[in-house]
Amino acid sequence: MNRIHKWSKEDTIVTYFFVKFGIKGLPVKDEKELAEFVIGTSVVSLQMQASNIRYLLGYEDGVLTDFSKVQSDVVDQYKNTSVEELKQIVIDIILKRDFEDNVKKVRESIRLKDLELKKKNAKNELDEIFRKMGKDPSKMKKVVKN
């Protein structure tokens, strides 16, 4: 999953629907699937975007005030759209996305993070062994054989 997701107007329309009506009637099973597989971002990022939209809708709880022009434009454009019409717009957006490709990207991202964490843990364990031997790992040279 991309840490620096560029939120498109379509992503914002999906988020607007999510704020107003949840995921009921959408071809996703939960908020995590909506965020990661449809939008291509994290649940936390989706929640932050949703908080900005809640603010623009006049909600008092769970709001952020750092909204974008796109968010403001989407709220203005769709505020009088019926639930069924907006739901169909969102379903069309979801269905034209490459859901399977997004699933692969998220899984690869998770695999890479796990690999990076394992490498970091192995290095920390090795550094701890050197410290117990009275050595300072930051002052040691790594020797690589060819």
C-alpha atoms as a PDB file:
ATOM      1  CA  MET A   1       0.000   0.000   0.000  1.00  0.00           C
ATOM      2  CA  ASN A   2       1.319   3.341  -0.956  1.00  0.00           C
ATOM      3  CA  ARG A   3       2.231   5.539   2.006  1.00  0.00           C
ATOM      4  CA  ILE A   4       1.845   8.714  -0.055  1.00  0.00           C
ATOM      5  CA  HIS A   5      -1.454   8.099  -1.785  1.00  0.00           C
ATOM      6  CA  LYS A   6      -2.587  10.857  -4.147  1.00  0.00           C
ATOM      7  CA  TRP A   7      -6.280  11.230  -3.436  1.00  0.00           C
ATOM      8  CA  SER A   8      -8.282  11.587  -6.633  1.00  0.00           C
ATOM      9  CA  LYS A   9     -11.750  13.027  -7.030  1.00  0.00           C
ATOM     10  CA  GLU A  10     -13.073   9.472  -7.392  1.00  0.00           C
ATOM     11  CA  ASP A  11     -11.371   8.419  -4.127  1.00  0.00           C
ATOM     12  CA  THR A  12     -13.016  11.402  -2.473  1.00  0.00           C
ATOM     13  CA  ILE A  13     -16.460  10.522  -3.876  1.00  0.00           C
ATOM     14  CA  VAL A  14     -16.073   7.003  -2.463  1.00  0.00           C
ATOM     15  CA  THR A  15     -15.018   8.460   0.890  1.00  0.00           C
ATOM     16  CA  TYR A  16     -17.939  10.910   0.849  1.00  0.00           C
ATOM     17  CA  PHE A  17     -20.363   8.006   0.361  1.00  0.00           C
ATOM     18  CA  PHE A  18     -18.589   6.081   3.129  1.00  0.00           C
ATOM     19  CA  VAL A  19     -18.987   9.015   5.539  1.00  0.00           C
ATOM     20  CA  LYS A  20     -22.666   9.518   4.796  1.00  0.00           C
ATOM     21  CA  PHE A  21     -23.849   5.928   4.374  1.00  0.00           C
ATOM     22  CA  GLY A  22     -21.106   3.484   5.364  1.00  0.00           C
ATOM     23  CA  ILE A  23     -20.357   0.522   3.102  1.00  0.00           C
ATOM     24  CA  LYS A  24     -23.834  -1.006   3.010  1.00  0.00           C
ATOM     25  CA  GLY A  25     -24.710  -1.915  -0.560  1.00  0.00           C
ATOM     26  CA  LEU A  26     -21.131  -1.584  -1.823  1.00  0.00           C
ATOM     27  CA  PRO A  27     -19.165  -4.560  -3.215  1.00  0.00           C
ATOM     28  CA  VAL A  28     -16.692  -4.545  -0.294  1.00  0.00           C
ATOM     29  CA  LYS A  29     -16.801  -6.475   2.963  1.00  0.00           C
ATOM     30  CA  ASP A  30     -15.378  -3.877   5.347  1.00  0.00           C
ATOM     31  CA  GLU A  31     -13.603  -0.546   5.805  1.00  0.00           C
ATOM     32  CA  LYS A  32     -10.166  -2.147   5.472  1.00  0.00           C
ATOM     33  CA  GLU A  33     -11.041  -3.634   2.090  1.00  0.00           C
ATOM     34  CA  LEU A  34     -12.442  -0.284   0.949  1.00  0.00           C
ATOM     35  CA  ALA A  35      -9.280   1.548   2.007  1.00  0.00           C
ATOM     36  CA  GLU A  36      -6.630  -0.911   0.887  1.00  0.00           C
ATOM     37  CA  PHE A  37      -8.096  -2.690  -2.122  1.00  0.00           C
ATOM     38  CA  VAL A  38     -10.372  -0.048  -3.634  1.00  0.00           C
ATOM     39  CA  ILE A  39      -8.649   3.242  -2.802  1.00  0.00           C
ATOM     40  CA  GLY A  40      -5.115   1.890  -2.330  1.00  0.00           C
ATOM     41  CA  THR A  41      -4.367   3.507   1.007  1.00  0.00           C
ATOM     42  CA  SER A  42      -4.454   2.688   4.717  1.00  0.00           C
ATOM     43  CA  VAL A  43      -7.512   2.605   6.958  1.00  0.00           C
ATOM     44  CA  VAL A  44      -5.990   5.448   8.987  1.00  0.00           C
ATOM     45  CA  SER A  45      -5.626   7.598   5.870  1.00  0.00           C
ATOM     46  CA  LEU A  46      -9.232   6.842   4.882  1.00  0.00           C
ATOM     47  CA  GLN A  47     -10.377   7.808   8.381  1.00  0.00           C
ATOM     48  CA  MET A  48      -8.478  11.100   8.217  1.00  0.00           C
ATOM     49  CA  GLN A  49      -9.968  11.944   4.819  1.00  0.00           C
ATOM     50  CA  ALA A  50     -13.391  11.012   6.194  1.00  0.00           C
ATOM     51  CA  SER A  51     -12.818  13.329   9.174  1.00  0.00           C
ATOM     52  CA  ASN A  52     -12.264  16.259   6.813  1.00  0.00           C
ATOM     53  CA  ILE A  53     -15.464  15.424   4.949  1.00  0.00           C
ATOM     54  CA  ARG A  54     -17.374  15.134   8.244  1.00  0.00           C
ATOM     55  CA  TYR A  55     -16.215  18.656   9.052  1.00  0.00           C
ATOM     56  CA  LEU A  56     -17.441  19.947   5.691  1.00  0.00           C
ATOM     57  CA  LEU A  57     -20.806  18.266   6.319  1.00  0.00           C
ATOM     58  CA  GLY A  58     -21.136  20.095   9.627  1.00  0.00           C
ATOM     59  CA  TYR A  59     -20.553  17.136  11.935  1.00  0.00           C
ATOM     60  CA  GLU A  60     -19.197  18.005  15.356  1.00  0.00           C
ATOM     61  CA  ASP A  61     -17.491  14.754  16.380  1.00  0.00           C
ATOM     62  CA  GLY A  62     -14.511  13.081  14.751  1.00  0.00           C
ATOM     63  CA  VAL A  63     -13.620  15.971  12.475  1.00  0.00           C
ATOM     64  CA  LEU A  64     -10.449  17.445  11.029  1.00  0.00           C
ATOM     65  CA  THR A  65     -10.367  20.919   9.527  1.00  0.00           C
ATOM     66  CA  ASP A  66      -7.526  20.460   7.033  1.00  0.00           C
ATOM     67  CA  PHE A  67      -9.807  19.733   4.076  1.00  0.00           C
ATOM     68  CA  SER A  68      -8.781  20.043   0.445  1.00  0.00           C
ATOM     69  CA  LYS A  69     -10.447  21.859  -2.430  1.00  0.00           C
ATOM     70  CA  VAL A  70     -11.327  18.474  -3.964  1.00  0.00           C
ATOM     71  CA  GLN A  71     -13.098  17.445  -0.755  1.00  0.00           C
ATOM     72  CA  SER A  72     -14.981  20.725  -0.630  1.00  0.00           C
ATOM     73  CA  ASP A  73     -15.937  20.437  -4.308  1.00  0.00           C
ATOM     74  CA  VAL A  74     -17.167  16.838  -3.895  1.00  0.00           C
ATOM     75  CA  VAL A  75     -19.312  17.759  -0.882  1.00  0.00           C
ATOM     76  CA  ASP A  76     -20.804  20.696  -2.805  1.00  0.00           C
ATOM     77  CA  GLN A  77     -21.358  18.642  -5.965  1.00  0.00           C
ATOM     78  CA  TYR A  78     -22.985  15.604  -4.319  1.00  0.00           C
ATOM     79  CA  LYS A  79     -24.794  17.060  -1.296  1.00  0.00           C
ATOM     80  CA  ASN A  80     -28.178  16.914  -3.071  1.00  0.00           C
ATOM     81  CA  THR A  81     -27.593  13.587  -4.852  1.00  0.00           C
ATOM     82  CA  SER A  82     -29.932  10.750  -3.824  1.00  0.00           C
ATOM     83  CA  VAL A  83     -28.530   7.784  -1.915  1.00  0.00           C
ATOM     84  CA  GLU A  84     -29.287   5.382  -4.768  1.00  0.00           C
ATOM     85  CA  GLU A  85     -27.755   7.620  -7.439  1.00  0.00           C
ATOM     86  CA  LEU A  86     -24.622   8.229  -5.370  1.00  0.00           C
ATOM     87  CA  LYS A  87     -24.363   4.514  -4.524  1.00  0.00           C
ATOM     88  CA  GLN A  88     -24.418   3.660  -8.239  1.00  0.00           C
ATOM     89  CA  ILE A  89     -21.707   6.255  -8.948  1.00  0.00           C
ATOM     90  CA  VAL A  90     -19.543   4.725  -6.212  1.00  0.00           C
ATOM     91  CA  ILE A  91     -20.187   1.148  -7.370  1.00  0.00           C
ATOM     92  CA  ASP A  92     -19.184   2.165 -10.904  1.00  0.00           C
ATOM     93  CA  ILE A  93     -15.954   3.678  -9.527  1.00  0.00           C
ATOM     94  CA  ILE A  94     -15.210   0.508  -7.546  1.00  0.00           C
ATOM     95  CA  LEU A  95     -15.968  -1.857 -10.426  1.00  0.00           C
ATOM     96  CA  LYS A  96     -13.696  -0.050 -12.868  1.00  0.00           C
ATOM     97  CA  ARG A  97     -10.755  -0.304 -10.453  1.00  0.00           C
ATOM     98  CA  ASP A  98      -8.305  -3.180 -10.820  1.00  0.00           C
ATOM     99  CA  PHE A  99      -9.265  -4.832  -7.552  1.00  0.00           C
ATOM    100  CA  GLU A 100      -7.032  -7.875  -8.077  1.00  0.00           C
ATOM    101  CA  ASP A 101      -4.013  -5.686  -8.864  1.00  0.00           C
ATOM    102  CA  ASN A 102      -4.627  -3.677  -5.682  1.00  0.00           C
ATOM    103  CA  VAL A 103      -4.817  -6.912  -3.669  1.00  0.00           C
ATOM    104  CA  LYS A 104      -1.446  -7.989  -5.125  1.00  0.00           C
ATOM    105  CA  LYS A 105       0.112  -4.596  -4.356  1.00  0.00           C
ATOM    106  CA  VAL A 106      -1.096  -4.660  -0.742  1.00  0.00           C
ATOM    107  CA  ARG A 107       0.140  -8.213  -0.231  1.00  0.00           C
ATOM    108  CA  GLU A 108       3.537  -7.348  -1.731  1.00  0.00           C
ATOM    109  CA  SER A 109       3.785  -4.274   0.482  1.00  0.00           C
ATOM    110  CA  ILE A 110       3.023  -6.383   3.563  1.00  0.00           C
ATOM    111  CA  ARG A 111       5.605  -8.990   2.476  1.00  0.00           C
ATOM    112  CA  LEU A 112       8.278  -6.305   2.009  1.00  0.00           C
ATOM    113  CA  LYS A 113       7.507  -4.731   5.398  1.00  0.00           C
ATOM    114  CA  ASP A 114       7.765  -8.146   7.070  1.00  0.00           C
ATOM    115  CA  LEU A 115      11.093  -8.813   5.331  1.00  0.00           C
ATOM    116  CA  GLU A 116      12.432  -5.408   6.379  1.00  0.00           C
ATOM    117  CA  LEU A 117      11.319  -6.008   9.974  1.00  0.00           C
ATOM    118  CA  LYS A 118      13.007  -9.427  10.041  1.00  0.00           C
ATOM    119  CA  LYS A 119      16.277  -7.901   8.760  1.00  0.00           C
ATOM    120  CA  LYS A 120      16.099  -5.140  11.361  1.00  0.00           C
ATOM    121  CA  ASN A 121      15.414  -7.634  14.158  1.00  0.00           C
ATOM    122  CA  ALA A 122      18.315  -9.851  13.032  1.00  0.00           C
ATOM    123  CA  LYS A 123      20.659  -6.843  13.003  1.00  0.00           C
ATOM    124  CA  ASN A 124      19.477  -5.774  16.472  1.00  0.00           C
ATOM    125  CA  GLU A 125      20.044  -9.298  17.810  1.00  0.00           C
ATOM    126  CA  LEU A 126      23.543  -9.372  16.332  1.00  0.00           C
ATOM    127  CA  ASP A 127      24.310  -5.907  17.740  1.00  0.00           C
ATOM    128  CA  GLU A 128      23.161  -7.097  21.174  1.00  0.00           C
ATOM    129  CA  ILE A 129      25.497 -10.103  20.962  1.00  0.00           C
ATOM    130  CA  PHE A 130      28.412  -7.770  20.152  1.00  0.00           C
ATOM    131  CA  ARG A 131      27.491  -5.467  23.059  1.00  0.00           C
ATOM    132  CA  LYS A 132      27.506  -8.444  25.430  1.00  0.00           C
ATOM    133  CA  MET A 133      31.011  -9.197  24.118  1.00  0.00           C
ATOM    134  CA  GLY A 134      32.036  -5.638  25.039  1.00  0.00           C
ATOM    135  CA  LYS A 135      32.077  -4.371  21.445  1.00  0.00           C
ATOM    136  CA  ASP A 136      30.420  -1.228  20.064  1.00  0.00           C
ATOM    137  CA  PRO A 137      28.516  -2.292  16.900  1.00  0.00           C
ATOM    138  CA  SER A 138      28.483   1.281  15.562  1.00  0.00           C
ATOM    139  CA  LYS A 139      32.301   1.270  15.418  1.00  0.00           C
ATOM    140  CA  MET A 140      32.646  -2.087  13.704  1.00  0.00           C
ATOM    141  CA  LYS A 141      33.288  -2.573   9.992  1.00  0.00           C
ATOM    142  CA  LYS A 142      31.221  -4.995   8.003  1.00  0.00           C
ATOM    143  CA  VAL A 143      33.459  -7.373   6.090  1.00  0.00           C
ATOM    144  CA  VAL A 144      31.930  -8.993   3.017  1.00  0.00           C
ATOM    145  CA  LYS A 145      33.520 -11.960   1.226  1.00  0.00           C
ATOM    146  CA  ASN A 146      33.147 -12.193  -2.540  1.00  0.00           C
END
